[in-house]
Amino acid sequence: MAARIISGKEIAASIRAELAEEVAALKEKGKTPGLGVILVGDDPASRSYVTAKERACEEIGIYSDDNRLPADTSEDELIKLVERMNEDPKIDGILVQLPLPKQIDEDRVLLAVSPSKDVDGFHPVSVGKMMLGQETFLPCTPHGVLQMLKRSAVTTEGAEVVIVGRSNIVGKPLANLLIQKNEFGNATVTVCHTRTKDLKRHTLGADIVIAAAGRPEFITADMVREGAVVIDVGVNRVDDPSKKRGYRLTGDVAFDEVAEKASLITPVPGGVGPMTITMLLYNTVESAKRSIG
């Protein structure tokens, strides 16, 4: 069979249209959602990502407070800026773009962000509430994956899900969310990784395979059963002299061959990526709604 494509681009556009309506309604009540963005240094990938987030804010009417700081910014200077944003009523969410320069302790900076404005969902308080199934800001990429499954009519209840990857950003939180008793969960989840013995045995038994290992084309057709749903979270740069940029982007899944066996599959690019930014906007709007009760 040839898999149907789950377009993160299209789903993200649909969610952003919904958010634009919510933002307009909030503005009628005198509240404009605001996102504070901090970028330290001039890493090209981080700069590009932050710029995309700022454009997305403008697109749906969110106020963006952009702060571009030099690479030699001290840890104390950065934390003071975070604390200023914590106290600023115009700011509903704070995004500190990672990675940070070596002289700055990332954990200390993330701890400085108020949990009430932690729209990335990285603060230990947010993570703890997520684990307990309490209301909190969900991490953007895992939440984006759940939205893609839901809006593609994929049932997680009772499904066998294999997640390949155990990062704090994707693998671990996604596994937790999928086992919870709610509309996104009730799945039976196995978390694998690059050191799992006989990985193929696990993935072949899965109704849903989620690849987040950070290895290009790591999941191949012989590892996926007929009719499985395959979600590719990976984004890898692979050298390609035929391309103008000298490289091409590929996921953790060998797309062309796996698409012949899967029922649904996400592409790279255009799959999970657009959902991550969209769920950041979602969290910012949610924070604004909470701030006015």
C-alpha atoms as a PDB file:
ATOM      1  CA  MET A   1       0.000   0.000   0.000  1.00  0.00           C
ATOM      2  CA  ALA A   2       1.023   3.638  -0.417  1.00  0.00           C
ATOM      3  CA  ALA A   3       0.753   5.638   2.783  1.00  0.00           C
ATOM      4  CA  ARG A   4      -1.423   8.701   3.154  1.00  0.00           C
ATOM      5  CA  ILE A   5       0.658  11.737   4.091  1.00  0.00           C
ATOM      6  CA  ILE A   6      -0.027  13.477   7.389  1.00  0.00           C
ATOM      7  CA  SER A   7       0.776  17.078   6.506  1.00  0.00           C
ATOM      8  CA  GLY A   8       1.980  18.980   9.540  1.00  0.00           C
ATOM      9  CA  LYS A   9       1.918  22.085   7.392  1.00  0.00           C
ATOM     10  CA  GLU A  10      -1.820  21.774   6.741  1.00  0.00           C
ATOM     11  CA  ILE A  11      -2.723  20.797  10.315  1.00  0.00           C
ATOM     12  CA  ALA A  12      -0.614  23.647  11.696  1.00  0.00           C
ATOM     13  CA  ALA A  13      -2.360  26.108   9.364  1.00  0.00           C
ATOM     14  CA  SER A  14      -5.741  24.895  10.604  1.00  0.00           C
ATOM     15  CA  ILE A  15      -4.746  25.303  14.267  1.00  0.00           C
ATOM     16  CA  ARG A  16      -3.270  28.752  13.611  1.00  0.00           C
ATOM     17  CA  ALA A  17      -6.547  29.854  12.024  1.00  0.00           C
ATOM     18  CA  GLU A  18      -8.346  28.736  15.196  1.00  0.00           C
ATOM     19  CA  LEU A  19      -5.794  30.585  17.343  1.00  0.00           C
ATOM     20  CA  ALA A  20      -6.168  33.773  15.279  1.00  0.00           C
ATOM     21  CA  GLU A  21      -9.875  33.773  16.140  1.00  0.00           C
ATOM     22  CA  GLU A  22      -9.083  33.319  19.835  1.00  0.00           C
ATOM     23  CA  VAL A  23      -6.520  36.127  19.727  1.00  0.00           C
ATOM     24  CA  ALA A  24      -9.072  38.434  18.107  1.00  0.00           C
ATOM     25  CA  ALA A  25     -11.582  37.584  20.842  1.00  0.00           C
ATOM     26  CA  LEU A  26      -8.973  38.285  23.534  1.00  0.00           C
ATOM     27  CA  LYS A  27      -8.133  41.643  21.968  1.00  0.00           C
ATOM     28  CA  GLU A  28     -11.805  42.600  22.143  1.00  0.00           C
ATOM     29  CA  LYS A  29     -11.504  42.054  25.895  1.00  0.00           C
ATOM     30  CA  GLY A  30      -8.430  44.289  26.017  1.00  0.00           C
ATOM     31  CA  LYS A  31      -5.839  41.510  26.154  1.00  0.00           C
ATOM     32  CA  THR A  32      -3.180  40.956  23.500  1.00  0.00           C
ATOM     33  CA  PRO A  33      -1.222  37.707  24.031  1.00  0.00           C
ATOM     34  CA  GLY A  34       2.497  38.414  24.286  1.00  0.00           C
ATOM     35  CA  LEU A  35       5.561  36.198  23.746  1.00  0.00           C
ATOM     36  CA  GLY A  36       8.974  37.223  25.050  1.00  0.00           C
ATOM     37  CA  VAL A  37      11.732  35.803  22.852  1.00  0.00           C
ATOM     38  CA  ILE A  38      15.406  35.681  23.859  1.00  0.00           C
ATOM     39  CA  LEU A  39      18.187  34.673  21.486  1.00  0.00           C
ATOM     40  CA  VAL A  40      21.781  34.749  22.763  1.00  0.00           C
ATOM     41  CA  GLY A  41      24.474  34.710  20.094  1.00  0.00           C
ATOM     42  CA  ASP A  42      24.171  34.355  16.344  1.00  0.00           C
ATOM     43  CA  ASP A  43      23.837  30.628  15.671  1.00  0.00           C
ATOM     44  CA  PRO A  44      22.323  30.426  12.151  1.00  0.00           C
ATOM     45  CA  ALA A  45      19.934  27.567  12.949  1.00  0.00           C
ATOM     46  CA  SER A  46      18.696  29.234  16.141  1.00  0.00           C
ATOM     47  CA  ARG A  47      18.355  32.596  14.392  1.00  0.00           C
ATOM     48  CA  SER A  48      16.303  31.026  11.610  1.00  0.00           C
ATOM     49  CA  TYR A  49      14.080  29.204  14.093  1.00  0.00           C
ATOM     50  CA  VAL A  50      13.460  32.312  16.209  1.00  0.00           C
ATOM     51  CA  THR A  51      12.672  34.363  13.098  1.00  0.00           C
ATOM     52  CA  ALA A  52      10.099  31.750  12.047  1.00  0.00           C
ATOM     53  CA  LYS A  53       8.493  31.924  15.490  1.00  0.00           C
ATOM     54  CA  GLU A  54       8.330  35.717  15.327  1.00  0.00           C
ATOM     55  CA  ARG A  55       6.669  35.576  11.899  1.00  0.00           C
ATOM     56  CA  ALA A  56       4.165  33.056  13.230  1.00  0.00           C
ATOM     57  CA  CYS A  57       3.299  35.409  16.124  1.00  0.00           C
ATOM     58  CA  GLU A  58       2.696  38.270  13.715  1.00  0.00           C
ATOM     59  CA  GLU A  59       0.557  36.023  11.510  1.00  0.00           C
ATOM     60  CA  ILE A  60      -2.032  35.367  14.239  1.00  0.00           C
ATOM     61  CA  GLY A  61      -1.790  38.692  16.072  1.00  0.00           C
ATOM     62  CA  ILE A  62       0.442  37.818  19.045  1.00  0.00           C
ATOM     63  CA  TYR A  63       2.714  40.579  20.380  1.00  0.00           C
ATOM     64  CA  SER A  64       6.364  39.531  20.201  1.00  0.00           C
ATOM     65  CA  ASP A  65       9.021  41.109  22.451  1.00  0.00           C
ATOM     66  CA  ASP A  66      12.229  40.202  20.615  1.00  0.00           C
ATOM     67  CA  ASN A  67      15.578  40.285  22.403  1.00  0.00           C
ATOM     68  CA  ARG A  68      18.763  39.487  20.456  1.00  0.00           C
ATOM     69  CA  LEU A  69      21.731  39.414  22.838  1.00  0.00           C
ATOM     70  CA  PRO A  70      25.463  39.148  22.036  1.00  0.00           C
ATOM     71  CA  ALA A  71      27.216  35.798  22.484  1.00  0.00           C
ATOM     72  CA  ASP A  72      29.252  37.102  25.432  1.00  0.00           C
ATOM     73  CA  THR A  73      26.141  37.941  27.493  1.00  0.00           C
ATOM     74  CA  SER A  74      26.626  36.821  31.080  1.00  0.00           C
ATOM     75  CA  GLU A  75      24.399  34.369  32.897  1.00  0.00           C
ATOM     76  CA  ASP A  76      23.323  37.031  35.397  1.00  0.00           C
ATOM     77  CA  GLU A  77      22.404  39.469  32.627  1.00  0.00           C
ATOM     78  CA  LEU A  78      20.259  36.848  30.951  1.00  0.00           C
ATOM     79  CA  ILE A  79      18.507  35.875  34.176  1.00  0.00           C
ATOM     80  CA  LYS A  80      17.741  39.541  34.918  1.00  0.00           C
ATOM     81  CA  LEU A  81      16.055  39.804  31.529  1.00  0.00           C
ATOM     82  CA  VAL A  82      14.029  36.652  32.240  1.00  0.00           C
ATOM     83  CA  GLU A  83      12.998  38.056  35.612  1.00  0.00           C
ATOM     84  CA  ARG A  84      11.904  41.313  33.960  1.00  0.00           C
ATOM     85  CA  MET A  85       9.716  39.319  31.597  1.00  0.00           C
ATOM     86  CA  ASN A  86       8.300  37.319  34.514  1.00  0.00           C
ATOM     87  CA  GLU A  87       7.003  40.593  35.976  1.00  0.00           C
ATOM     88  CA  ASP A  88       5.825  42.146  32.697  1.00  0.00           C
ATOM     89  CA  PRO A  89       2.004  41.811  32.345  1.00  0.00           C
ATOM     90  CA  LYS A  90       2.313  42.217  28.559  1.00  0.00           C
ATOM     91  CA  ILE A  91       4.324  38.976  28.375  1.00  0.00           C
ATOM     92  CA  ASP A  92       2.326  35.732  28.667  1.00  0.00           C
ATOM     93  CA  GLY A  93       5.018  33.333  27.526  1.00  0.00           C
ATOM     94  CA  ILE A  94       8.821  33.304  27.625  1.00  0.00           C
ATOM     95  CA  LEU A  95      10.974  31.528  25.068  1.00  0.00           C
ATOM     96  CA  VAL A  96      14.698  31.213  25.728  1.00  0.00           C
ATOM     97  CA  GLN A  97      16.164  29.745  22.558  1.00  0.00           C
ATOM     98  CA  LEU A  98      18.517  26.815  23.173  1.00  0.00           C
ATOM     99  CA  PRO A  99      21.373  26.027  23.019  1.00  0.00           C
ATOM    100  CA  LEU A 100      22.945  28.823  25.033  1.00  0.00           C
ATOM    101  CA  PRO A 101      26.643  29.818  24.973  1.00  0.00           C
ATOM    102  CA  LYS A 102      28.992  27.771  27.146  1.00  0.00           C
ATOM    103  CA  GLN A 103      29.342  30.422  29.867  1.00  0.00           C
ATOM    104  CA  ILE A 104      25.617  30.127  30.686  1.00  0.00           C
ATOM    105  CA  ASP A 105      24.040  27.331  32.737  1.00  0.00           C
ATOM    106  CA  GLU A 106      20.921  26.358  30.768  1.00  0.00           C
ATOM    107  CA  ASP A 107      19.285  24.652  33.751  1.00  0.00           C
ATOM    108  CA  ARG A 108      19.624  27.778  35.906  1.00  0.00           C
ATOM    109  CA  VAL A 109      18.121  29.958  33.194  1.00  0.00           C
ATOM    110  CA  LEU A 110      15.175  27.630  32.571  1.00  0.00           C
ATOM    111  CA  LEU A 111      14.513  27.479  36.325  1.00  0.00           C
ATOM    112  CA  ALA A 112      14.337  31.280  36.347  1.00  0.00           C
ATOM    113  CA  VAL A 113      11.358  31.256  33.976  1.00  0.00           C
ATOM    114  CA  SER A 114       8.082  31.504  35.880  1.00  0.00           C
ATOM    115  CA  PRO A 115       6.075  28.253  35.458  1.00  0.00           C
ATOM    116  CA  SER A 116       3.061  30.443  34.639  1.00  0.00           C
ATOM    117  CA  LYS A 117       4.922  31.665  31.525  1.00  0.00           C
ATOM    118  CA  ASP A 118       6.793  28.455  30.662  1.00  0.00           C
ATOM    119  CA  VAL A 119       5.247  28.014  27.207  1.00  0.00           C
ATOM    120  CA  ASP A 120       8.034  25.630  26.170  1.00  0.00           C
ATOM    121  CA  GLY A 121       6.965  23.240  28.939  1.00  0.00           C
ATOM    122  CA  PHE A 122      10.560  22.685  30.102  1.00  0.00           C
ATOM    123  CA  HIS A 123      10.363  23.902  33.728  1.00  0.00           C
ATOM    124  CA  PRO A 124      10.485  21.076  36.323  1.00  0.00           C
ATOM    125  CA  VAL A 125       7.140  22.288  37.698  1.00  0.00           C
ATOM    126  CA  SER A 126       5.570  21.954  34.243  1.00  0.00           C
ATOM    127  CA  VAL A 127       7.138  18.520  33.754  1.00  0.00           C
ATOM    128  CA  GLY A 128       5.913  17.363  37.167  1.00  0.00           C
ATOM    129  CA  LYS A 129       2.367  18.536  36.503  1.00  0.00           C
ATOM    130  CA  MET A 130       2.409  16.836  33.119  1.00  0.00           C
ATOM    131  CA  MET A 131       3.513  13.566  34.735  1.00  0.00           C
ATOM    132  CA  LEU A 132       0.619  13.834  37.210  1.00  0.00           C
ATOM    133  CA  GLY A 133      -1.887  14.642  34.480  1.00  0.00           C
ATOM    134  CA  GLN A 134      -2.547  18.105  35.890  1.00  0.00           C
ATOM    135  CA  GLU A 135      -3.236  21.244  33.851  1.00  0.00           C
ATOM    136  CA  THR A 136       0.019  22.703  32.590  1.00  0.00           C
ATOM    137  CA  PHE A 137       1.804  23.764  29.428  1.00  0.00           C
ATOM    138  CA  LEU A 138       2.640  20.644  27.439  1.00  0.00           C
ATOM    139  CA  PRO A 139       6.022  20.506  25.661  1.00  0.00           C
ATOM    140  CA  CYS A 140       5.487  21.705  22.119  1.00  0.00           C
ATOM    141  CA  THR A 141       6.807  18.859  19.979  1.00  0.00           C
ATOM    142  CA  PRO A 142       5.090  16.013  21.898  1.00  0.00           C
ATOM    143  CA  HIS A 143       1.849  18.003  21.994  1.00  0.00           C
ATOM    144  CA  GLY A 144       2.189  18.631  18.264  1.00  0.00           C
ATOM    145  CA  VAL A 145       2.509  14.894  17.625  1.00  0.00           C
ATOM    146  CA  LEU A 146      -0.644  14.221  19.659  1.00  0.00           C
ATOM    147  CA  GLN A 147      -2.561  16.847  17.702  1.00  0.00           C
ATOM    148  CA  MET A 148      -1.413  15.309  14.413  1.00  0.00           C
ATOM    149  CA  LEU A 149      -2.649  11.884  15.489  1.00  0.00           C
ATOM    150  CA  LYS A 150      -5.981  13.217  16.746  1.00  0.00           C
ATOM    151  CA  ARG A 151      -6.667  15.381  13.689  1.00  0.00           C
ATOM    152  CA  SER A 152      -5.753  12.495  11.384  1.00  0.00           C
ATOM    153  CA  ALA A 153      -8.323  10.261  13.135  1.00  0.00           C
ATOM    154  CA  VAL A 154      -5.643   7.932  14.534  1.00  0.00           C
ATOM    155  CA  THR A 155      -6.897   6.138  17.651  1.00  0.00           C
ATOM    156  CA  THR A 156      -4.345   5.857  20.452  1.00  0.00           C
ATOM    157  CA  GLU A 157      -6.633   4.036  22.894  1.00  0.00           C
ATOM    158  CA  GLY A 158      -5.468   0.438  23.115  1.00  0.00           C
ATOM    159  CA  ALA A 159      -2.798   0.999  20.465  1.00  0.00           C
ATOM    160  CA  GLU A 160       0.696  -0.461  20.702  1.00  0.00           C
ATOM    161  CA  VAL A 161       3.057   2.504  20.350  1.00  0.00           C
ATOM    162  CA  VAL A 162       6.820   2.280  20.006  1.00  0.00           C
ATOM    163  CA  ILE A 163       8.819   5.475  20.513  1.00  0.00           C
ATOM    164  CA  VAL A 164      12.408   5.304  19.297  1.00  0.00           C
ATOM    165  CA  GLY A 165      14.187   7.980  21.307  1.00  0.00           C
ATOM    166  CA  ARG A 166      14.387   8.867  25.005  1.00  0.00           C
ATOM    167  CA  SER A 167      15.187  12.595  25.094  1.00  0.00           C
ATOM    168  CA  ASN A 168      13.746  14.932  27.704  1.00  0.00           C
ATOM    169  CA  ILE A 169      12.295  17.056  24.902  1.00  0.00           C
ATOM    170  CA  VAL A 170      10.443  14.388  22.900  1.00  0.00           C
ATOM    171  CA  GLY A 171      10.737  10.720  23.865  1.00  0.00           C
ATOM    172  CA  LYS A 172      10.120  10.803  27.611  1.00  0.00           C
ATOM    173  CA  PRO A 173       7.296  13.367  27.704  1.00  0.00           C
ATOM    174  CA  LEU A 174       5.570  11.823  24.690  1.00  0.00           C
ATOM    175  CA  ALA A 175       5.594   8.393  26.325  1.00  0.00           C
ATOM    176  CA  ASN A 176       4.055   9.875  29.462  1.00  0.00           C
ATOM    177  CA  LEU A 177       1.329  11.687  27.549  1.00  0.00           C
ATOM    178  CA  LEU A 178       0.379   8.610  25.523  1.00  0.00           C
ATOM    179  CA  ILE A 179      -0.231   6.441  28.603  1.00  0.00           C
ATOM    180  CA  GLN A 180      -2.453   8.939  30.403  1.00  0.00           C
ATOM    181  CA  LYS A 181      -6.210   8.480  30.809  1.00  0.00           C
ATOM    182  CA  ASN A 182      -7.475  11.063  28.329  1.00  0.00           C
ATOM    183  CA  GLU A 183      -8.428  11.526  24.688  1.00  0.00           C
ATOM    184  CA  PHE A 184      -4.774  11.593  23.574  1.00  0.00           C
ATOM    185  CA  GLY A 185      -3.661   8.576  25.606  1.00  0.00           C
ATOM    186  CA  ASN A 186      -4.662   5.109  26.819  1.00  0.00           C
ATOM    187  CA  ALA A 187      -1.950   3.566  24.640  1.00  0.00           C
ATOM    188  CA  THR A 188       0.499   0.818  25.559  1.00  0.00           C
ATOM    189  CA  VAL A 189       3.897   2.422  25.084  1.00  0.00           C
ATOM    190  CA  THR A 190       7.366   0.944  24.618  1.00  0.00           C
ATOM    191  CA  VAL A 191      10.311   3.341  24.668  1.00  0.00           C
ATOM    192  CA  CYS A 192      13.293   2.167  22.646  1.00  0.00           C
ATOM    193  CA  HIS A 193      16.543   3.868  21.701  1.00  0.00           C
ATOM    194  CA  THR A 194      19.725   3.377  19.720  1.00  0.00           C
ATOM    195  CA  ARG A 195      21.028   0.833  22.245  1.00  0.00           C
ATOM    196  CA  THR A 196      17.894  -1.294  22.364  1.00  0.00           C
ATOM    197  CA  LYS A 197      18.638  -4.932  21.539  1.00  0.00           C
ATOM    198  CA  ASP A 198      16.634  -6.257  18.581  1.00  0.00           C
ATOM    199  CA  LEU A 199      14.890  -2.949  17.933  1.00  0.00           C
ATOM    200  CA  LYS A 200      13.174  -4.446  14.891  1.00  0.00           C
ATOM    201  CA  ARG A 201      11.271  -6.932  17.084  1.00  0.00           C
ATOM    202  CA  HIS A 202       9.689  -4.037  18.962  1.00  0.00           C
ATOM    203  CA  THR A 203       8.866  -1.823  15.995  1.00  0.00           C
ATOM    204  CA  LEU A 204       7.317  -4.660  13.978  1.00  0.00           C
ATOM    205  CA  GLY A 205       4.734  -5.152  16.719  1.00  0.00           C
ATOM    206  CA  ALA A 206       3.686  -1.498  16.791  1.00  0.00           C
ATOM    207  CA  ASP A 207       0.490   0.051  15.518  1.00  0.00           C
ATOM    208  CA  ILE A 208       2.211   3.447  15.754  1.00  0.00           C
ATOM    209  CA  VAL A 209       5.962   4.027  15.373  1.00  0.00           C
ATOM    210  CA  ILE A 210       7.356   7.400  16.452  1.00  0.00           C
ATOM    211  CA  ALA A 211      10.962   8.009  15.408  1.00  0.00           C
ATOM    212  CA  ALA A 212      12.894  10.565  17.473  1.00  0.00           C
ATOM    213  CA  ALA A 213      16.406   9.128  17.686  1.00  0.00           C
ATOM    214  CA  GLY A 214      18.274  11.811  15.732  1.00  0.00           C
ATOM    215  CA  ARG A 215      19.712   9.383  13.192  1.00  0.00           C
ATOM    216  CA  PRO A 216      19.014   9.856   9.485  1.00  0.00           C
ATOM    217  CA  GLU A 217      16.840   7.147   7.899  1.00  0.00           C
ATOM    218  CA  PHE A 218      17.274   4.938  10.957  1.00  0.00           C
ATOM    219  CA  ILE A 219      13.830   3.317  10.611  1.00  0.00           C
ATOM    220  CA  THR A 220      13.659   1.218   7.449  1.00  0.00           C
ATOM    221  CA  ALA A 221      10.838  -0.680   5.730  1.00  0.00           C
ATOM    222  CA  ASP A 222      11.777  -4.041   7.226  1.00  0.00           C
ATOM    223  CA  MET A 223      11.233  -2.554  10.707  1.00  0.00           C
ATOM    224  CA  VAL A 224       7.613  -1.502  10.104  1.00  0.00           C
ATOM    225  CA  ARG A 225       4.578  -3.753   9.717  1.00  0.00           C
ATOM    226  CA  GLU A 226       1.991  -3.292   6.978  1.00  0.00           C
ATOM    227  CA  GLY A 227      -0.545  -0.611   7.831  1.00  0.00           C
ATOM    228  CA  ALA A 228       1.372   0.993  10.706  1.00  0.00           C
ATOM    229  CA  VAL A 229       1.217   4.741  11.386  1.00  0.00           C
ATOM    230  CA  VAL A 230       4.690   6.291  11.258  1.00  0.00           C
ATOM    231  CA  ILE A 231       5.513   9.679  12.807  1.00  0.00           C
ATOM    232  CA  ASP A 232       8.970  11.047  11.995  1.00  0.00           C
ATOM    233  CA  VAL A 233      10.184  13.647  14.500  1.00  0.00           C
ATOM    234  CA  GLY A 234      13.793  13.661  13.286  1.00  0.00           C
ATOM    235  CA  VAL A 235      15.373  16.469  11.265  1.00  0.00           C
ATOM    236  CA  ASN A 236      18.889  15.693  10.036  1.00  0.00           C
ATOM    237  CA  ARG A 237      21.238  17.451   7.652  1.00  0.00           C
ATOM    238  CA  VAL A 238      22.791  15.045   5.182  1.00  0.00           C
ATOM    239  CA  ASP A 239      25.582  16.157   2.851  1.00  0.00           C
ATOM    240  CA  ASP A 240      24.339  16.406  -0.733  1.00  0.00           C
ATOM    241  CA  PRO A 241      26.593  18.136  -3.304  1.00  0.00           C
ATOM    242  CA  SER A 242      23.717  18.197  -5.785  1.00  0.00           C
ATOM    243  CA  LYS A 243      21.849  20.685  -3.598  1.00  0.00           C
ATOM    244  CA  LYS A 244      22.551  24.403  -3.710  1.00  0.00           C
ATOM    245  CA  ARG A 245      23.031  24.485   0.073  1.00  0.00           C
ATOM    246  CA  GLY A 246      25.296  21.431  -0.041  1.00  0.00           C
ATOM    247  CA  TYR A 247      22.956  19.360   2.091  1.00  0.00           C
ATOM    248  CA  ARG A 248      19.409  18.021   2.264  1.00  0.00           C
ATOM    249  CA  LEU A 249      17.070  17.525   5.171  1.00  0.00           C
ATOM    250  CA  THR A 250      15.947  14.031   6.038  1.00  0.00           C
ATOM    251  CA  GLY A 251      14.118  12.462   8.931  1.00  0.00           C
ATOM    252  CA  ASP A 252      14.817   9.426  11.085  1.00  0.00           C
ATOM    253  CA  VAL A 253      12.659   7.345   8.727  1.00  0.00           C
ATOM    254  CA  ALA A 254      13.640   6.080   5.264  1.00  0.00           C
ATOM    255  CA  PHE A 255      10.568   7.807   3.875  1.00  0.00           C
ATOM    256  CA  ASP A 256      10.266   6.387   0.352  1.00  0.00           C
ATOM    257  CA  GLU A 257      10.505   2.733   1.341  1.00  0.00           C
ATOM    258  CA  VAL A 258       8.513   2.985   4.588  1.00  0.00           C
ATOM    259  CA  ALA A 259       5.727   4.881   2.811  1.00  0.00           C
ATOM    260  CA  GLU A 260       5.084   1.736   0.761  1.00  0.00           C
ATOM    261  CA  LYS A 261       4.111  -0.195   3.910  1.00  0.00           C
ATOM    262  CA  ALA A 262       2.658   2.381   6.290  1.00  0.00           C
ATOM    263  CA  SER A 263      -0.965   3.528   6.255  1.00  0.00           C
ATOM    264  CA  LEU A 264      -0.080   7.046   7.392  1.00  0.00           C
ATOM    265  CA  ILE A 265       3.301   8.786   7.490  1.00  0.00           C
ATOM    266  CA  THR A 266       4.718  12.254   8.163  1.00  0.00           C
ATOM    267  CA  PRO A 267       7.232  13.818   5.766  1.00  0.00           C
ATOM    268  CA  VAL A 268      10.427  15.721   6.557  1.00  0.00           C
ATOM    269  CA  PRO A 269      10.274  18.630   6.115  1.00  0.00           C
ATOM    270  CA  GLY A 270       6.636  19.612   6.413  1.00  0.00           C
ATOM    271  CA  GLY A 271       5.638  17.094   9.068  1.00  0.00           C
ATOM    272  CA  VAL A 272       6.175  17.531  12.810  1.00  0.00           C
ATOM    273  CA  GLY A 273       8.307  20.683  12.413  1.00  0.00           C
ATOM    274  CA  PRO A 274       5.491  23.179  11.720  1.00  0.00           C
ATOM    275  CA  MET A 275       3.541  21.728  14.648  1.00  0.00           C
ATOM    276  CA  THR A 276       6.239  22.594  17.188  1.00  0.00           C
ATOM    277  CA  ILE A 277       6.019  26.332  16.515  1.00  0.00           C
ATOM    278  CA  THR A 278       2.223  26.160  16.354  1.00  0.00           C
ATOM    279  CA  MET A 279       1.950  24.563  19.785  1.00  0.00           C
ATOM    280  CA  LEU A 280       4.206  27.296  21.186  1.00  0.00           C
ATOM    281  CA  LEU A 281       1.625  29.789  19.916  1.00  0.00           C
ATOM    282  CA  TYR A 282      -1.137  27.614  21.396  1.00  0.00           C
ATOM    283  CA  ASN A 283       0.523  27.691  24.832  1.00  0.00           C
ATOM    284  CA  THR A 284       1.011  31.464  24.643  1.00  0.00           C
ATOM    285  CA  VAL A 285      -2.676  32.007  23.872  1.00  0.00           C
ATOM    286  CA  GLU A 286      -3.634  29.623  26.700  1.00  0.00           C
ATOM    287  CA  SER A 287      -1.434  31.615  29.093  1.00  0.00           C
ATOM    288  CA  ALA A 288      -3.100  34.859  28.016  1.00  0.00           C
ATOM    289  CA  LYS A 289      -6.547  33.343  28.616  1.00  0.00           C
ATOM    290  CA  ARG A 290      -5.520  32.213  32.095  1.00  0.00           C
ATOM    291  CA  SER A 291      -4.151  35.665  32.940  1.00  0.00           C
ATOM    292  CA  ILE A 292      -7.617  37.196  32.561  1.00  0.00           C
ATOM    293  CA  GLY A 293      -9.407  34.285  34.181  1.00  0.00           C
END
